[in-house]
Amino acid sequence: KSNSEISLLAVIFTQLGDSLATIAATNEICCTQKDM
């Protein structure tokens, strides 16, 4: 792959990871609040 393609893949996977982290944190907070 070209450097441009690699860069695009990198930002896509970074966003994917950040989105998953946001979902996990939100679930943790919401579930904890609901449990409380």
PDB file of all heavy atoms in Angstrom:
ATOM      1  N   LYS A   1       0.839  -1.191   0.000  1.00  0.00           N
ATOM      2  CA  LYS A   1       0.000   0.000   0.000  1.00  0.00           C
ATOM      3  C   LYS A   1       0.883   1.253   0.000  1.00  0.00           C
ATOM      4  O   LYS A   1       2.000   1.237   0.489  1.00  0.00           O
ATOM      5  CB  LYS A   1      -0.911   0.001   1.223  1.00  0.00           C
ATOM      6  CG  LYS A   1      -1.861  -1.187   1.211  1.00  0.00           C
ATOM      7  CD  LYS A   1      -3.026  -1.011   2.112  1.00  0.00           C
ATOM      8  CE  LYS A   1      -4.038  -2.113   1.994  1.00  0.00           C
ATOM      9  NZ  LYS A   1      -3.562  -3.462   1.857  1.00  0.00           N
ATOM     10  N   SER A   2       0.347   2.333  -0.541  1.00  0.00           N
ATOM     11  CA  SER A   2       1.082   3.602  -0.543  1.00  0.00           C
ATOM     12  C   SER A   2       1.041   4.217   0.856  1.00  0.00           C
ATOM     13  O   SER A   2       0.227   3.828   1.702  1.00  0.00           O
ATOM     14  CB  SER A   2       0.453   4.570  -1.546  1.00  0.00           C
ATOM     15  OG  SER A   2      -0.828   4.981  -1.084  1.00  0.00           O
ATOM     16  N   ASN A   3       1.902   5.199   1.089  1.00  0.00           N
ATOM     17  CA  ASN A   3       1.902   5.894   2.372  1.00  0.00           C
ATOM     18  C   ASN A   3       0.556   6.569   2.630  1.00  0.00           C
ATOM     19  O   ASN A   3       0.087   6.610   3.769  1.00  0.00           O
ATOM     20  CB  ASN A   3       3.028   6.926   2.444  1.00  0.00           C
ATOM     21  CG  ASN A   3       4.372   6.264   2.676  1.00  0.00           C
ATOM     22  OD1 ASN A   3       4.445   5.156   3.197  1.00  0.00           O
ATOM     23  ND2 ASN A   3       5.435   6.946   2.292  1.00  0.00           N
ATOM     24  N   SER A   4      -0.064   7.091   1.575  1.00  0.00           N
ATOM     25  CA  SER A   4      -1.378   7.721   1.727  1.00  0.00           C
ATOM     26  C   SER A   4      -2.418   6.704   2.166  1.00  0.00           C
ATOM     27  O   SER A   4      -3.254   6.977   3.042  1.00  0.00           O
ATOM     28  CB  SER A   4      -1.824   8.366   0.418  1.00  0.00           C
ATOM     29  OG  SER A   4      -0.978   9.423   0.076  1.00  0.00           O
ATOM     30  N   GLU A   5      -2.396   5.519   1.574  1.00  0.00           N
ATOM     31  CA  GLU A   5      -3.342   4.473   1.955  1.00  0.00           C
ATOM     32  C   GLU A   5      -3.101   4.014   3.397  1.00  0.00           C
ATOM     33  O   GLU A   5      -4.058   3.814   4.158  1.00  0.00           O
ATOM     34  CB  GLU A   5      -3.234   3.284   1.005  1.00  0.00           C
ATOM     35  CG  GLU A   5      -3.728   3.582  -0.403  1.00  0.00           C
ATOM     36  CD  GLU A   5      -3.400   2.476  -1.392  1.00  0.00           C
ATOM     37  OE1 GLU A   5      -2.286   1.905  -1.332  1.00  0.00           O
ATOM     38  OE2 GLU A   5      -4.278   2.181  -2.233  1.00  0.00           O
ATOM     39  N   ILE A   6      -1.839   3.881   3.757  1.00  0.00           N
ATOM     40  CA  ILE A   6      -1.499   3.469   5.127  1.00  0.00           C
ATOM     41  C   ILE A   6      -1.963   4.531   6.119  1.00  0.00           C
ATOM     42  O   ILE A   6      -2.529   4.211   7.168  1.00  0.00           O
ATOM     43  CB  ILE A   6       0.009   3.205   5.268  1.00  0.00           C
ATOM     44  CG1 ILE A   6       0.411   2.001   4.409  1.00  0.00           C
ATOM     45  CG2 ILE A   6       0.389   2.966   6.730  1.00  0.00           C
ATOM     46  CD1 ILE A   6       1.913   1.829   4.253  1.00  0.00           C
ATOM     47  N   SER A   7      -1.756   5.789   5.783  1.00  0.00           N
ATOM     48  CA  SER A   7      -2.196   6.878   6.667  1.00  0.00           C
ATOM     49  C   SER A   7      -3.711   6.864   6.846  1.00  0.00           C
ATOM     50  O   SER A   7      -4.223   7.056   7.955  1.00  0.00           O
ATOM     51  CB  SER A   7      -1.763   8.233   6.111  1.00  0.00           C
ATOM     52  OG  SER A   7      -0.373   8.354   6.145  1.00  0.00           O
ATOM     53  N   LEU A   8      -4.421   6.656   5.759  1.00  0.00           N
ATOM     54  CA  LEU A   8      -5.878   6.596   5.841  1.00  0.00           C
ATOM     55  C   LEU A   8      -6.322   5.430   6.720  1.00  0.00           C
ATOM     56  O   LEU A   8      -7.196   5.581   7.581  1.00  0.00           O
ATOM     57  CB  LEU A   8      -6.499   6.479   4.450  1.00  0.00           C
ATOM     58  CG  LEU A   8      -8.018   6.373   4.403  1.00  0.00           C
ATOM     59  CD1 LEU A   8      -8.679   7.599   5.034  1.00  0.00           C
ATOM     60  CD2 LEU A   8      -8.490   6.185   2.964  1.00  0.00           C
ATOM     61  N   LEU A   9      -5.717   4.272   6.533  1.00  0.00           N
ATOM     62  CA  LEU A   9      -6.053   3.115   7.365  1.00  0.00           C
ATOM     63  C   LEU A   9      -5.746   3.394   8.829  1.00  0.00           C
ATOM     64  O   LEU A   9      -6.525   3.021   9.725  1.00  0.00           O
ATOM     65  CB  LEU A   9      -5.303   1.872   6.891  1.00  0.00           C
ATOM     66  CG  LEU A   9      -5.789   1.269   5.576  1.00  0.00           C
ATOM     67  CD1 LEU A   9      -4.804   0.225   5.074  1.00  0.00           C
ATOM     68  CD2 LEU A   9      -7.177   0.663   5.757  1.00  0.00           C
ATOM     69  N   ALA A  10      -4.638   4.084   9.084  1.00  0.00           N
ATOM     70  CA  ALA A  10      -4.255   4.398  10.462  1.00  0.00           C
ATOM     71  C   ALA A  10      -5.308   5.270  11.142  1.00  0.00           C
ATOM     72  O   ALA A  10      -5.707   5.000  12.282  1.00  0.00           O
ATOM     73  CB  ALA A  10      -2.895   5.088  10.498  1.00  0.00           C
ATOM     74  N   VAL A  11      -5.775   6.307  10.453  1.00  0.00           N
ATOM     75  CA  VAL A  11      -6.777   7.172  11.090  1.00  0.00           C
ATOM     76  C   VAL A  11      -8.118   6.458  11.235  1.00  0.00           C
ATOM     77  O   VAL A  11      -8.842   6.686  12.208  1.00  0.00           O
ATOM     78  CB  VAL A  11      -6.943   8.534  10.362  1.00  0.00           C
ATOM     79  CG1 VAL A  11      -5.654   9.326  10.404  1.00  0.00           C
ATOM     80  CG2 VAL A  11      -7.431   8.377   8.948  1.00  0.00           C
ATOM     81  N   ILE A  12      -8.442   5.575  10.303  1.00  0.00           N
ATOM     82  CA  ILE A  12      -9.682   4.803  10.417  1.00  0.00           C
ATOM     83  C   ILE A  12      -9.622   3.892  11.639  1.00  0.00           C
ATOM     84  O   ILE A  12     -10.557   3.840  12.443  1.00  0.00           O
ATOM     85  CB  ILE A  12      -9.950   3.990   9.128  1.00  0.00           C
ATOM     86  CG1 ILE A  12     -10.354   4.937   7.992  1.00  0.00           C
ATOM     87  CG2 ILE A  12     -11.025   2.919   9.369  1.00  0.00           C
ATOM     88  CD1 ILE A  12     -10.391   4.275   6.624  1.00  0.00           C
ATOM     89  N   PHE A  13      -8.502   3.173  11.805  1.00  0.00           N
ATOM     90  CA  PHE A  13      -8.385   2.272  12.948  1.00  0.00           C
ATOM     91  C   PHE A  13      -8.271   3.036  14.262  1.00  0.00           C
ATOM     92  O   PHE A  13      -8.757   2.565  15.306  1.00  0.00           O
ATOM     93  CB  PHE A  13      -7.211   1.302  12.766  1.00  0.00           C
ATOM     94  CG  PHE A  13      -7.501   0.212  11.762  1.00  0.00           C
ATOM     95  CD1 PHE A  13      -6.728   0.079  10.621  1.00  0.00           C
ATOM     96  CD2 PHE A  13      -8.552  -0.670  11.950  1.00  0.00           C
ATOM     97  CE1 PHE A  13      -7.000  -0.927   9.690  1.00  0.00           C
ATOM     98  CE2 PHE A  13      -8.831  -1.680  11.025  1.00  0.00           C
ATOM     99  CZ  PHE A  13      -8.046  -1.802   9.897  1.00  0.00           C
ATOM    100  N   THR A  14      -7.666   4.221  14.227  1.00  0.00           N
ATOM    101  CA  THR A  14      -7.615   5.051  15.430  1.00  0.00           C
ATOM    102  C   THR A  14      -9.016   5.479  15.825  1.00  0.00           C
ATOM    103  O   THR A  14      -9.401   5.405  16.998  1.00  0.00           O
ATOM    104  CB  THR A  14      -6.719   6.283  15.211  1.00  0.00           C
ATOM    105  OG1 THR A  14      -5.389   5.838  14.950  1.00  0.00           O
ATOM    106  CG2 THR A  14      -6.724   7.204  16.412  1.00  0.00           C
ATOM    107  N   GLN A  15      -9.802   5.923  14.851  1.00  0.00           N
ATOM    108  CA  GLN A  15     -11.177   6.324  15.141  1.00  0.00           C
ATOM    109  C   GLN A  15     -11.983   5.134  15.648  1.00  0.00           C
ATOM    110  O   GLN A  15     -12.788   5.271  16.584  1.00  0.00           O
ATOM    111  CB  GLN A  15     -11.857   6.929  13.925  1.00  0.00           C
ATOM    112  CG  GLN A  15     -13.273   7.398  14.224  1.00  0.00           C
ATOM    113  CD  GLN A  15     -13.965   8.032  13.032  1.00  0.00           C
ATOM    114  OE1 GLN A  15     -13.353   8.262  11.997  1.00  0.00           O
ATOM    115  NE2 GLN A  15     -15.240   8.300  13.178  1.00  0.00           N
ATOM    116  N   LEU A  16     -11.778   3.967  15.043  1.00  0.00           N
ATOM    117  CA  LEU A  16     -12.468   2.760  15.493  1.00  0.00           C
ATOM    118  C   LEU A  16     -12.143   2.484  16.959  1.00  0.00           C
ATOM    119  O   LEU A  16     -13.046   2.232  17.774  1.00  0.00           O
ATOM    120  CB  LEU A  16     -12.076   1.567  14.619  1.00  0.00           C
ATOM    121  CG  LEU A  16     -12.613   0.195  15.041  1.00  0.00           C
ATOM    122  CD1 LEU A  16     -14.139   0.167  14.953  1.00  0.00           C
ATOM    123  CD2 LEU A  16     -12.011  -0.892  14.172  1.00  0.00           C
ATOM    124  N   GLY A  17     -10.862   2.538  17.303  1.00  0.00           N
ATOM    125  CA  GLY A  17     -10.454   2.296  18.688  1.00  0.00           C
ATOM    126  C   GLY A  17     -11.038   3.320  19.646  1.00  0.00           C
ATOM    127  O   GLY A  17     -11.511   2.976  20.741  1.00  0.00           O
ATOM    128  N   ASP A  18     -11.009   4.590  19.241  1.00  0.00           N
ATOM    129  CA  ASP A  18     -11.572   5.642  20.085  1.00  0.00           C
ATOM    130  C   ASP A  18     -13.078   5.462  20.255  1.00  0.00           C
ATOM    131  O   ASP A  18     -13.615   5.662  21.352  1.00  0.00           O
ATOM    132  CB  ASP A  18     -11.278   7.023  19.499  1.00  0.00           C
ATOM    133  CG  ASP A  18      -9.805   7.405  19.592  1.00  0.00           C
ATOM    134  OD1 ASP A  18      -9.056   6.746  20.341  1.00  0.00           O
ATOM    135  OD2 ASP A  18      -9.410   8.375  18.911  1.00  0.00           O
ATOM    136  N   SER A  19     -13.756   5.088  19.196  1.00  0.00           N
ATOM    137  CA  SER A  19     -15.205   4.868  19.279  1.00  0.00           C
ATOM    138  C   SER A  19     -15.525   3.696  20.196  1.00  0.00           C
ATOM    139  O   SER A  19     -16.465   3.761  21.005  1.00  0.00           O
ATOM    140  CB  SER A  19     -15.793   4.619  17.886  1.00  0.00           C
ATOM    141  OG  SER A  19     -15.665   5.778  17.094  1.00  0.00           O
ATOM    142  N   LEU A  20     -14.753   2.622  20.090  1.00  0.00           N
ATOM    143  CA  LEU A  20     -14.965   1.479  20.981  1.00  0.00           C
ATOM    144  C   LEU A  20     -14.706   1.863  22.436  1.00  0.00           C
ATOM    145  O   LEU A  20     -15.452   1.447  23.341  1.00  0.00           O
ATOM    146  CB  LEU A  20     -14.066   0.311  20.569  1.00  0.00           C
ATOM    147  CG  LEU A  20     -14.457  -0.388  19.272  1.00  0.00           C
ATOM    148  CD1 LEU A  20     -13.360  -1.363  18.842  1.00  0.00           C
ATOM    149  CD2 LEU A  20     -15.789  -1.101  19.407  1.00  0.00           C
ATOM    150  N   ALA A  21     -13.670   2.661  22.680  1.00  0.00           N
ATOM    151  CA  ALA A  21     -13.381   3.116  24.040  1.00  0.00           C
ATOM    152  C   ALA A  21     -14.512   3.983  24.581  1.00  0.00           C
ATOM    153  O   ALA A  21     -14.893   3.876  25.758  1.00  0.00           O
ATOM    154  CB  ALA A  21     -12.062   3.883  24.074  1.00  0.00           C
ATOM    155  N   THR A  22     -15.077   4.832  23.731  1.00  0.00           N
ATOM    156  CA  THR A  22     -16.199   5.679  24.136  1.00  0.00           C
ATOM    157  C   THR A  22     -17.410   4.831  24.483  1.00  0.00           C
ATOM    158  O   THR A  22     -18.083   5.063  25.501  1.00  0.00           O
ATOM    159  CB  THR A  22     -16.553   6.679  23.017  1.00  0.00           C
ATOM    160  OG1 THR A  22     -15.421   7.495  22.744  1.00  0.00           O
ATOM    161  CG2 THR A  22     -17.736   7.546  23.398  1.00  0.00           C
ATOM    162  N   ILE A  23     -17.694   3.838  23.659  1.00  0.00           N
ATOM    163  CA  ILE A  23     -18.831   2.943  23.920  1.00  0.00           C
ATOM    164  C   ILE A  23     -18.627   2.192  25.234  1.00  0.00           C
ATOM    165  O   ILE A  23     -19.538   2.108  26.063  1.00  0.00           O
ATOM    166  CB  ILE A  23     -19.035   1.963  22.742  1.00  0.00           C
ATOM    167  CG1 ILE A  23     -19.511   2.726  21.500  1.00  0.00           C
ATOM    168  CG2 ILE A  23     -20.013   0.844  23.120  1.00  0.00           C
ATOM    169  CD1 ILE A  23     -19.427   1.925  20.212  1.00  0.00           C
ATOM    170  N   ALA A  24     -17.432   1.658  25.446  1.00  0.00           N
ATOM    171  CA  ALA A  24     -17.151   0.909  26.673  1.00  0.00           C
ATOM    172  C   ALA A  24     -17.283   1.800  27.901  1.00  0.00           C
ATOM    173  O   ALA A  24     -17.888   1.399  28.905  1.00  0.00           O
ATOM    174  CB  ALA A  24     -15.753   0.291  26.610  1.00  0.00           C
ATOM    175  N   ALA A  25     -16.743   3.018  27.835  1.00  0.00           N
ATOM    176  CA  ALA A  25     -16.826   3.939  28.971  1.00  0.00           C
ATOM    177  C   ALA A  25     -18.270   4.338  29.239  1.00  0.00           C
ATOM    178  O   ALA A  25     -18.714   4.390  30.398  1.00  0.00           O
ATOM    179  CB  ALA A  25     -15.970   5.173  28.714  1.00  0.00           C
ATOM    180  N   THR A  26     -19.022   4.610  28.186  1.00  0.00           N
ATOM    181  CA  THR A  26     -20.428   4.990  28.343  1.00  0.00           C
ATOM    182  C   THR A  26     -21.228   3.841  28.948  1.00  0.00           C
ATOM    183  O   THR A  26     -22.035   4.047  29.863  1.00  0.00           O
ATOM    184  CB  THR A  26     -21.031   5.392  26.983  1.00  0.00           C
ATOM    185  OG1 THR A  26     -20.263   6.473  26.442  1.00  0.00           O
ATOM    186  CG2 THR A  26     -22.478   5.817  27.116  1.00  0.00           C
ATOM    187  N   ASN A  27     -21.002   2.636  28.453  1.00  0.00           N
ATOM    188  CA  ASN A  27     -21.688   1.472  29.010  1.00  0.00           C
ATOM    189  C   ASN A  27     -21.343   1.287  30.485  1.00  0.00           C
ATOM    190  O   ASN A  27     -22.214   0.974  31.296  1.00  0.00           O
ATOM    191  CB  ASN A  27     -21.334   0.198  28.239  1.00  0.00           C
ATOM    192  CG  ASN A  27     -21.975   0.148  26.877  1.00  0.00           C
ATOM    193  OD1 ASN A  27     -22.920   0.872  26.595  1.00  0.00           O
ATOM    194  ND2 ASN A  27     -21.458  -0.703  26.009  1.00  0.00           N
ATOM    195  N   GLU A  28     -20.082   1.487  30.819  1.00  0.00           N
ATOM    196  CA  GLU A  28     -19.647   1.330  32.209  1.00  0.00           C
ATOM    197  C   GLU A  28     -20.348   2.339  33.108  1.00  0.00           C
ATOM    198  O   GLU A  28     -20.866   1.997  34.159  1.00  0.00           O
ATOM    199  CB  GLU A  28     -18.136   1.509  32.314  1.00  0.00           C
ATOM    200  CG  GLU A  28     -17.609   1.469  33.712  1.00  0.00           C
ATOM    201  CD  GLU A  28     -16.852   0.208  34.017  1.00  0.00           C
ATOM    202  OE1 GLU A  28     -16.581  -0.565  33.086  1.00  0.00           O
ATOM    203  OE2 GLU A  28     -16.535   0.020  35.184  1.00  0.00           O
ATOM    204  N   ILE A  29     -20.395   3.582  32.674  1.00  0.00           N
ATOM    205  CA  ILE A  29     -21.024   4.633  33.471  1.00  0.00           C
ATOM    206  C   ILE A  29     -22.526   4.398  33.562  1.00  0.00           C
ATOM    207  O   ILE A  29     -23.106   4.457  34.649  1.00  0.00           O
ATOM    208  CB  ILE A  29     -20.718   6.024  32.882  1.00  0.00           C
ATOM    209  CG1 ILE A  29     -19.234   6.343  33.076  1.00  0.00           C
ATOM    210  CG2 ILE A  29     -21.598   7.103  33.506  1.00  0.00           C
ATOM    211  CD1 ILE A  29     -18.759   7.545  32.283  1.00  0.00           C
ATOM    212  N   CYS A  30     -23.159   4.120  32.432  1.00  0.00           N
ATOM    213  CA  CYS A  30     -24.613   3.914  32.432  1.00  0.00           C
ATOM    214  C   CYS A  30     -25.001   2.688  33.234  1.00  0.00           C
ATOM    215  O   CYS A  30     -25.961   2.733  34.009  1.00  0.00           O
ATOM    216  CB  CYS A  30     -25.135   3.785  31.005  1.00  0.00           C
ATOM    217  SG  CYS A  30     -25.070   5.335  30.108  1.00  0.00           S
ATOM    218  N   CYS A  31     -24.288   1.604  33.057  1.00  0.00           N
ATOM    219  CA  CYS A  31     -24.601   0.373  33.796  1.00  0.00           C
ATOM    220  C   CYS A  31     -24.378   0.575  35.280  1.00  0.00           C
ATOM    221  O   CYS A  31     -25.180   0.130  36.092  1.00  0.00           O
ATOM    222  CB  CYS A  31     -23.766  -0.799  33.292  1.00  0.00           C
ATOM    223  SG  CYS A  31     -24.226  -1.308  31.624  1.00  0.00           S
ATOM    224  N   THR A  32     -23.323   1.275  35.650  1.00  0.00           N
ATOM    225  CA  THR A  32     -23.034   1.527  37.055  1.00  0.00           C
ATOM    226  C   THR A  32     -24.131   2.394  37.656  1.00  0.00           C
ATOM    227  O   THR A  32     -24.618   2.122  38.746  1.00  0.00           O
ATOM    228  CB  THR A  32     -21.664   2.221  37.209  1.00  0.00           C
ATOM    229  OG1 THR A  32     -20.663   1.368  36.643  1.00  0.00           O
ATOM    230  CG2 THR A  32     -21.328   2.488  38.656  1.00  0.00           C
ATOM    231  N   GLN A  33     -24.559   3.431  36.933  1.00  0.00           N
ATOM    232  CA  GLN A  33     -25.625   4.291  37.437  1.00  0.00           C
ATOM    233  C   GLN A  33     -26.939   3.529  37.559  1.00  0.00           C
ATOM    234  O   GLN A  33     -27.649   3.666  38.551  1.00  0.00           O
ATOM    235  CB  GLN A  33     -25.806   5.505  36.519  1.00  0.00           C
ATOM    236  CG  GLN A  33     -24.685   6.517  36.654  1.00  0.00           C
ATOM    237  CD  GLN A  33     -24.839   7.694  35.695  1.00  0.00           C
ATOM    238  OE1 GLN A  33     -25.664   7.659  34.793  1.00  0.00           O
ATOM    239  NE2 GLN A  33     -24.028   8.714  35.895  1.00  0.00           N
ATOM    240  N   LYS A  34     -27.265   2.703  36.572  1.00  0.00           N
ATOM    241  CA  LYS A  34     -28.496   1.911  36.627  1.00  0.00           C
ATOM    242  C   LYS A  34     -28.451   0.933  37.790  1.00  0.00           C
ATOM    243  O   LYS A  34     -29.440   0.746  38.494  1.00  0.00           O
ATOM    244  CB  LYS A  34     -28.719   1.166  35.314  1.00  0.00           C
ATOM    245  CG  LYS A  34     -29.180   2.050  34.186  1.00  0.00           C
ATOM    246  CD  LYS A  34     -29.360   1.257  32.904  1.00  0.00           C
ATOM    247  CE  LYS A  34     -29.685   2.176  31.740  1.00  0.00           C
ATOM    248  NZ  LYS A  34     -29.732   1.456  30.468  1.00  0.00           N
ATOM    249  N   ASP A  35     -27.278   0.290  37.982  1.00  0.00           N
ATOM    250  CA  ASP A  35     -27.141  -0.643  39.098  1.00  0.00           C
ATOM    251  C   ASP A  35     -27.332   0.073  40.429  1.00  0.00           C
ATOM    252  O   ASP A  35     -28.000  -0.430  41.327  1.00  0.00           O
ATOM    253  CB  ASP A  35     -25.768  -1.329  39.072  1.00  0.00           C
ATOM    254  CG  ASP A  35     -25.627  -2.310  37.926  1.00  0.00           C
ATOM    255  OD1 ASP A  35     -26.663  -2.723  37.357  1.00  0.00           O
ATOM    256  OD2 ASP A  35     -24.477  -2.661  37.595  1.00  0.00           O
ATOM    257  N   MET A  36     -26.751   1.284  40.556  1.00  0.00           N
ATOM    258  CA  MET A  36     -26.892   2.052  41.784  1.00  0.00           C
ATOM    259  C   MET A  36     -28.345   2.456  42.003  1.00  0.00           C
ATOM    260  O   MET A  36     -28.860   2.362  43.114  1.00  0.00           O
ATOM    261  CB  MET A  36     -25.983   3.286  41.749  1.00  0.00           C
ATOM    262  CG  MET A  36     -24.506   2.950  41.885  1.00  0.00           C
ATOM    263  SD  MET A  36     -23.390   4.359  41.664  1.00  0.00           S
ATOM    264  CE  MET A  36     -24.049   5.576  42.756  1.00  0.00           C
TER     265      MET A  36
END
